[in-house]
Structures are given as C-alpha cells and as structure tokens.
Amino acid sequence: MSSENERIEYKREFVDDIAKEVIAFANTDGGEIYVGVNDDGTPAPLSNTDDTYTRITNCVRDSVAPDVTMFTKYSLNEGVIKVNVYEGSSKPYYLKSKGLKPSGVYIRQGASSVQASPEQIRQMIKLSDRDSFEEMRSLEQQLTFKSAAETFTKHNIPFSEDKYKALGIVNINDNLFTNLGLIVSDQCSHTIKAAVFADEDNTNFIDHREFGGSVFSQMENVFEYIMLNNKTKSIFSGIDRIDISDYPEAAIREALLNAVVHRDYGFSGSIIVNINSKGIDIISIGGLVPGLAKEDIMNGISQPRNRKLAEMFHRLNYIESYGTGIRKILSLYSDSVVKPVITVTPNSFRISLPNRNSGTVVTAAVPKQYQAVIDYLNEHGSMTVEELQELLDVKQTRAFNLYKKMENDGYIKVTGRGAGKTISLK
C-alpha cells in the first residue's frame, strides 16, 4: 500500500480520534481511512472486525456535527476496514464535544489532520451558507438573550426558544445559532464607539465610551449618551419664546437605526459616533449594497443588507418601512440653513447631522433680520456696524440693540470699540 498522504490515513486499531480524521477529510477534499493497517502501510488485520466496525460507525455518527454519515461509506476486506470519506456539503464539520471552534474543527494538511484557524472556519461557513452573513452559523454558540427578551417584552411581542427559528436566530437545518443570533445576543462581539470632542477636527477628547452587548442595549445606551449632549437653546421672536434642540431627536434615532440595521457585520470594526459643537457624525462599516447608488437611497430606495435583522426591527416598530429613514432625517431639517450630509465610500456610510444651534446653522424660526446677518457673516466672515446698518436698512440705535441681542443669544461675537467694532459668528 502507498504511504500516508493528504488523501490516505492509516490506523493500527480503532481509537476515538478517528472522528478527527473523518472531519478533516470531510472539510477538505475527502479521503480514505484504513483501520487495521500500520503507519508504514503494511497490513495489521483486526481480530474482531465486527466489533470495530460498530465502534467506528457509532463514533462517527455520535461525535461529528453536522451529520456526516451520508458522506461516509465503509467496506471490509481481510481484517481491514476502509472508511471512504467524501467532501461534505455542510462545512465546517466539527466535534460535538468541542463545538464550532478551532479545537473542534479539523482539516487535512499533507499527511496530517490539523486544527483549522478561525479564518478558515469563517471561509468554510461563508461558502457553505451561501454568503448571507446573518444566516451563517455563529462561531460563538454559548449565547444568551436577556436584552432581546426584555426588548420584545416591552413591545408586547413573544420571545422564546420556539420562536428562534422563525426569527432567524437559529439555523433551521442544524439548530445552531446564526450570526443574527450573535448580533442580538448579550454576547454580541460588535460595538458602538461614541466620543465628544472639544474641536471640529475631532482630535481632542472630552469624553468617550464604548457600548457592547446586544444591539438592542447598544441602541438604547448610545441614544441616551447622544441625548445627554443634545442641548436646547431658547430664542425670542417678539414676545414668543422658541426652544430649539441642537438636533431633532427623531433624526438622531433614525441615523442610529440606519447604522445598526444596515452595517456590514462581516467586519469586526465598530460603528463610530463623533460629536462636536458643529454636529454629529454617525459612521457605519459597509458601503451601499451592490446595485444601489447614493441617489437611489435619497429617493427612498432601500435594499437591506441584513434582511432578517431589518425585519426584526420592523416588527418591533423601530423602523416603519424600508427606505423612509433617510427621507425622514432630511425632512426634519427642512427649515435649517445647513442640511444633513450623507457620505458613501465602498466600505463606509456616514450621516452628518448639523447642530441647529451652532453659529452657522439656524432654523427658519429665527427672526429674518438675524438670518440676514448670519447669511452675510457666513459669506464674508465679519462685518462692521455700518455694514450691519446698511444691510438691514436701520438706524444706529436699532443696529446697536439688534447686535447686542444677537450677542446675548449666542449667535455672534462683537470685538473692538467704537467705530472699530467688528461683528463675527460665535
């Protein structure tokens, strides 16, 4: 007989680790295992082939998952049992006792069966599960769903193990948790990083946090964190007081939902939330799904990357329907001078929400004279008191009262004295 190689393995007698050899061949290109043959290929006939045959078949059936028996065939010849293992279609195969991790997954490498790396396992899952990440089997199978159960209960929707398959949390074929299950579980490995910066270049931290756990708890905790930085400013139009928050609460919610539901969970990086005095950037990993352009989503076209996750959020009434989120954000800024900006790259998606109370962003509720001054300063940078009088066609006393009020309300700053006074945005 020929020597051991990538397609042939010899065993002097039955040993429990024969399951590893079966797994390795099924995960690679198939192969043959001979029981009753020495390592050098010389026969060593078994004394009790019937007992050994039964032990081998029971071991393969009971120790390997998914079921690999349909890819194994047995034959006996003069005290030697031949186990023919074909390449399986539900890779990766693994030891039930070890689970879907390197210590339980083997591949054939030369004449040896070795543990697969995490990347090799992911690739096998990707190819076997047809490249739908949320439907692939999760590498982590010790999952709990406390946060998800609380969220479903709060929305009066049943959540129990008998619902897992319908929700997509469990694979319908082998009852293993899917990546969707991992995403909504308390053990979710993806996070959201949020930070408040002292400068517009986002280089000097004031505070920063990282939020983990189920995407449901991440959503809730990050939203609360952003709202702590969503200040309200009061202005007066005549005798009417107008309260304006830095950001529309619903816009924050929609932008955050968009990032969580549509991000590419095939990458391990975090969703990023950057906050400074001018605005909020919410950045998720993964550009648009193939076939969509930025103009399409602006028109309300939506093709969810994570269909089952989107369905789950829709069922919980977090999202009303596909494609409305971006339009809702834009409508919430319809009265603002500066609009939200969407930036798309092949691997990222960013929504920038401008601060409505910063010096350059003012809503239509602001008095027209205020707006005229702000527009002028946005274009020219600064102005004199005389230029203010000319712009608004008012006398010196009215101009004085106006710029003092704008200064007190926090829109502008006035430097210098007398005729040398200069007005600029704060």
Foldseek 3Di string as FASTA:
>chain_A
DQAFWLAEEEACADDLCVLLVLLQQQQEAWHKYKYQADNRGHGRADPDVVVRVVVVVCSNQPFKPPNQVVQWDWDDDRRMIMITGGHHLQDNMFTPVVALAQVTGWHGDIRDIHGDHPVSRVVRQCVSVVNQQQLTFDSDQPFAQPVVCVLCVVLVHDDDPVCCVVLSQAHPPGRGGGNVVLQQTQNNLEKEKEFEAADPVRDHTPDIDIDDGHVNVRLVVVLVVVVVVFDWAWDDDPPDIDIDTQADSLLVLLQSVCQSFAADVVDRYYFYWYHYPWWIKTKGWAFADPPDDPVCLCVQDFDGSNVSSVVVCCVSVSDVDGSCSVVVQQVVCVQKPDGWDWDGDRTMIMIIGTGCPALQIDGNVPDPLSVQVSVVCVVVVKDFLVVSCVSVVHDSVVSVVVVVSCVVSQNWDWDDDDRPIMIGGD
